Amino acid sequence: MDNYVILKGKEDRLVIHLDSEIDYETLKKNLEEKLKEAEKFLKNAKVAIEFSNRELSEVEENQLLEIIRRESDIRITYIISNGKSFIGNFIIPETVIDEGVTKFYKGNLRSGQSVHYEGNLVVLGDINPGAIVTAKGNIVVLGYLNGTAHAGIEDEDEAFISALKMNPIQLRIGKNIARNPAEDMLGTNRIKKEGSLEVAYIKDGKMHIENFNKITLRDMMKI
């Protein structure tokens, strides 16, 4: 069997090594074959997925993930996006995994770029003005959020958006939109300082943005 696709178990993830030269359609067929071959070893496995050695577009990555879901019993906990990305030994806490499948995007997003995911989205970098991120679930930005973010795209008001630094052009959670945080959000106990995680969420039909603390968490999770 051709080794255009190699499956490797690695600590908390399944690394899928992809041939960088073979055509994409052949690659997809080879992935199907390898998953069937490894079926008894992967049965009911709960793992993260990391694609390596090949740059994938959003469409290509989603197609490969669909093949994995269709041809195996693997329960995907989160996805490390971009064949070049690597996140050390980072392990997602079980409480976060239970929120649903999460995709990690490594790198800064420039004006005109966009990322979308049908789950939770974590951006390991900055979102610059003119860049857009959207997710069916929650959005977490481990950097500056200066562009546009839309969480809960299917009118899910219980989603939230968080960033190390909030200065967005527009925030949207479900149907709720805030174009100017200074005017459209309620900045309860908001303190501007470096490294302070800020969270935007919906309470009583209004968008709030606060520093992340126990009070914010209670409100945000509707406890």
Protein backbone atom coordinates (compact mmCIF):
# COMPACT_ATOMS: atom_id res chain seq x y z
CA MET A 1 0.00 0.00 0.00
CA ASP A 2 1.26 3.48 -0.84
CA ASN A 3 2.44 5.52 2.13
CA TYR A 4 1.11 8.89 1.05
CA VAL A 5 -0.58 9.07 4.46
CA ILE A 6 1.09 7.90 7.68
CA LEU A 7 -0.78 7.72 11.00
CA LYS A 8 1.31 8.30 14.12
CA GLY A 9 0.16 8.25 17.73
CA LYS A 10 1.85 11.02 19.70
CA GLU A 11 0.99 11.61 23.39
CA ASP A 12 -2.34 13.48 23.34
CA ARG A 13 -2.88 13.47 19.58
CA LEU A 14 -3.02 11.51 16.36
CA VAL A 15 -0.57 12.98 13.86
CA ILE A 16 -1.54 12.44 10.23
CA HIS A 17 1.57 12.86 8.09
CA LEU A 18 0.60 13.85 4.54
CA ASP A 19 2.70 13.53 1.41
CA SER A 20 3.37 17.08 0.18
CA GLU A 21 3.78 16.15 -3.49
CA ILE A 22 0.99 13.72 -4.36
CA ASP A 23 -2.25 15.09 -5.82
CA TYR A 24 -5.01 15.80 -3.34
CA GLU A 25 -7.57 13.29 -4.66
CA THR A 26 -5.06 10.44 -4.34
CA LEU A 27 -4.25 11.67 -0.85
CA LYS A 28 -7.91 11.44 0.19
CA LYS A 29 -8.23 7.88 -1.10
CA ASN A 30 -5.05 6.86 0.69
CA LEU A 31 -6.36 8.35 3.95
CA GLU A 32 -9.53 6.26 3.63
CA GLU A 33 -7.45 3.12 3.11
CA LYS A 34 -5.18 3.83 6.07
CA LEU A 35 -8.13 4.47 8.39
CA LYS A 36 -9.73 1.15 7.40
CA GLU A 37 -6.41 -0.59 7.92
CA ALA A 38 -6.04 0.88 11.43
CA GLU A 39 -9.70 0.49 12.39
CA LYS A 40 -9.13 -1.94 15.27
CA PHE A 41 -6.42 0.28 16.76
CA LEU A 42 -8.41 3.51 16.48
CA LYS A 43 -11.78 2.17 17.60
CA ASN A 44 -13.51 4.66 19.93
CA ALA A 45 -10.27 6.62 20.33
CA LYS A 46 -10.71 10.10 21.78
CA VAL A 47 -7.85 12.20 20.41
CA ALA A 48 -6.75 15.48 18.92
CA ILE A 49 -5.95 15.54 15.22
CA GLU A 50 -2.82 17.18 13.83
CA PHE A 51 -2.14 17.29 10.09
CA SER A 52 1.57 17.55 9.32
CA ASN A 53 3.95 18.03 6.38
CA ARG A 54 1.42 19.57 4.01
CA GLU A 55 -0.33 22.95 3.85
CA LEU A 56 -4.10 22.50 3.68
CA SER A 57 -6.81 24.95 2.72
CA GLU A 58 -9.88 25.27 4.94
CA VAL A 59 -11.91 23.25 2.42
CA GLU A 60 -9.30 20.50 2.16
CA GLU A 61 -8.91 20.22 5.92
CA ASN A 62 -12.67 19.95 6.42
CA GLN A 63 -12.88 17.26 3.73
CA LEU A 64 -10.17 15.20 5.44
CA LEU A 65 -11.91 15.57 8.80
CA GLU A 66 -15.15 14.37 7.23
CA ILE A 67 -13.33 11.28 5.91
CA ILE A 68 -12.03 10.58 9.42
CA ARG A 69 -15.52 10.87 10.89
CA ARG A 70 -17.02 8.69 8.15
CA GLU A 71 -14.39 5.96 8.04
CA SER A 72 -13.57 5.60 11.74
CA ASP A 73 -15.01 5.71 15.24
CA ILE A 74 -12.50 8.36 16.32
CA ARG A 75 -13.91 11.03 18.64
CA ILE A 76 -12.10 14.23 17.70
CA THR A 77 -11.46 16.46 20.72
CA TYR A 78 -9.70 19.30 18.94
CA ILE A 79 -7.80 20.09 15.76
CA ILE A 80 -4.40 21.64 15.31
CA SER A 81 -4.76 23.65 12.13
CA ASN A 82 -2.12 24.17 9.47
CA GLY A 83 0.28 21.34 8.64
CA LYS A 84 3.17 23.34 10.07
CA SER A 85 1.68 24.09 13.46
CA PHE A 86 2.78 22.46 16.70
CA ILE A 87 1.68 23.27 20.22
CA GLY A 88 4.22 21.52 22.45
CA ASN A 89 2.56 19.31 25.05
CA PHE A 90 -0.48 21.54 25.42
CA ILE A 91 -3.48 19.51 26.61
CA ILE A 92 -7.00 20.91 26.62
CA PRO A 93 -8.69 20.55 30.04
CA GLU A 94 -11.56 18.06 30.05
CA THR A 95 -14.04 20.81 30.91
CA VAL A 96 -13.14 22.60 27.68
CA ILE A 97 -13.21 19.44 25.56
CA ASP A 98 -16.79 18.86 26.69
CA GLU A 99 -17.76 22.18 25.11
CA GLY A 100 -17.32 20.54 21.69
CA VAL A 101 -14.70 20.11 19.00
CA THR A 102 -12.16 22.94 19.00
CA LYS A 103 -9.91 24.08 16.19
CA PHE A 104 -6.56 25.78 16.78
CA TYR A 105 -5.27 28.30 14.25
CA LYS A 106 -1.64 29.29 14.70
CA GLY A 107 -0.53 32.68 13.36
CA ASN A 108 -1.66 36.27 12.92
CA LEU A 109 -4.56 37.14 10.63
CA ARG A 110 -4.01 40.13 8.36
CA SER A 111 -6.56 42.41 6.72
CA GLY A 112 -8.63 40.46 4.19
CA GLN A 113 -8.00 37.08 5.80
CA SER A 114 -10.75 35.05 7.45
CA VAL A 115 -11.12 31.81 9.39
CA HIS A 116 -14.36 29.93 10.05
CA TYR A 117 -15.04 26.75 12.02
CA GLU A 118 -18.16 24.72 12.81
CA GLY A 119 -17.21 24.45 16.48
CA ASN A 120 -15.02 26.39 18.90
CA LEU A 121 -12.10 28.37 17.48
CA VAL A 122 -8.85 29.27 19.24
CA VAL A 123 -6.50 31.70 17.47
CA LEU A 124 -2.88 31.59 18.63
CA GLY A 125 -2.00 35.07 17.42
CA ASP A 126 -3.48 38.49 16.62
CA ILE A 127 -6.54 39.34 14.56
CA ASN A 128 -5.70 42.58 12.79
CA PRO A 129 -8.19 45.20 11.50
CA GLY A 130 -9.92 43.91 8.37
CA ALA A 131 -9.55 40.23 9.39
CA ILE A 132 -12.61 38.17 10.31
CA VAL A 133 -13.08 35.07 12.47
CA THR A 134 -16.39 33.23 12.82
CA ALA A 135 -17.39 30.12 14.73
CA LYS A 136 -20.48 28.13 15.53
CA GLY A 137 -19.25 27.92 19.11
CA ASN A 138 -16.92 30.10 21.18
CA ILE A 139 -13.91 32.14 20.03
CA VAL A 140 -10.73 32.54 22.07
CA VAL A 141 -7.93 34.81 20.84
CA LEU A 142 -4.57 34.38 22.54
CA GLY A 143 -3.43 37.75 21.26
CA TYR A 144 -4.92 41.08 20.16
CA LEU A 145 -8.46 41.13 18.75
CA ASN A 146 -8.50 44.23 16.53
CA GLY A 147 -10.66 42.87 13.70
CA THR A 148 -14.11 41.29 13.59
CA ALA A 149 -15.27 38.22 15.52
CA HIS A 150 -18.63 36.44 15.35
CA ALA A 151 -19.31 33.59 17.78
CA GLY A 152 -22.51 31.53 17.97
CA ILE A 153 -23.22 32.08 14.28
CA GLU A 154 -26.43 30.03 14.45
CA ASP A 155 -28.02 32.56 16.82
CA GLU A 156 -26.42 31.00 19.91
CA ASP A 157 -26.44 33.73 22.55
CA GLU A 158 -24.68 31.45 25.06
CA ALA A 159 -21.43 31.59 23.08
CA PHE A 160 -18.64 33.92 24.16
CA ILE A 161 -15.61 35.71 22.72
CA SER A 162 -12.42 36.24 24.69
CA ALA A 163 -9.05 37.82 23.93
CA LEU A 164 -5.93 38.95 25.75
CA LYS A 165 -6.62 42.43 24.39
CA MET A 166 -9.99 43.61 23.05
CA ASN A 167 -10.15 46.44 20.55
CA PRO A 168 -12.40 44.99 17.84
CA ILE A 169 -13.97 46.69 14.87
CA GLN A 170 -17.05 44.54 15.48
CA LEU A 171 -18.11 41.79 17.88
CA ARG A 172 -21.13 39.60 17.29
CA ILE A 173 -22.55 36.87 19.50
CA GLY A 174 -25.64 35.22 18.06
CA LYS A 175 -27.84 38.09 16.87
CA ASN A 176 -26.20 40.64 19.16
CA ILE A 177 -23.78 43.10 17.54
CA ALA A 178 -21.40 45.62 19.11
CA ARG A 179 -19.53 47.87 16.68
CA ASN A 180 -17.77 50.04 19.21
CA PRO A 181 -16.95 48.44 22.56
CA ALA A 182 -16.75 51.83 24.26
CA GLU A 183 -20.35 52.62 23.29
CA ASP A 184 -22.15 49.33 22.64
CA MET A 185 -20.85 47.20 25.53
CA LEU A 186 -21.26 47.41 29.24
CA GLY A 187 -17.70 47.57 30.60
CA THR A 188 -18.35 46.38 34.15
CA ASN A 189 -15.10 46.42 36.16
CA ARG A 190 -13.15 46.66 32.93
CA ILE A 191 -9.46 47.37 33.48
CA LYS A 192 -7.08 48.10 30.62
CA LYS A 193 -3.76 46.39 31.19
CA GLU A 194 -1.46 44.02 29.34
CA GLY A 195 -2.10 40.31 29.71
CA SER A 196 -5.60 40.67 31.17
CA LEU A 197 -7.98 38.21 29.49
CA GLU A 198 -11.22 39.92 28.52
CA VAL A 199 -14.49 38.16 27.75
CA ALA A 200 -17.53 39.31 25.78
CA TYR A 201 -20.82 37.53 26.50
CA ILE A 202 -24.56 38.08 26.51
CA LYS A 203 -26.54 38.73 29.68
CA ASP A 204 -30.11 40.01 29.84
CA GLY A 205 -30.09 40.57 26.10
CA LYS A 206 -27.05 42.87 26.18
CA MET A 207 -23.41 42.33 25.34
CA HIS A 208 -20.98 42.74 28.23
CA ILE A 209 -17.20 42.79 28.17
CA GLU A 210 -15.22 42.24 31.36
CA ASN A 211 -11.97 40.93 32.72
CA PHE A 212 -12.12 37.19 33.19
CA ASN A 213 -12.92 36.41 36.81
CA LYS A 214 -15.32 34.25 38.84
CA ILE A 215 -18.18 36.71 38.49
CA THR A 216 -17.74 36.87 34.72
CA LEU A 217 -17.57 33.08 34.52
CA ARG A 218 -20.81 32.68 36.48
CA ASP A 219 -22.64 35.14 34.28
CA MET A 220 -21.11 33.85 31.07
CA MET A 221 -21.99 30.21 31.70
CA LYS A 222 -25.50 31.13 32.99
CA ILE A 223 -24.78 29.39 36.33
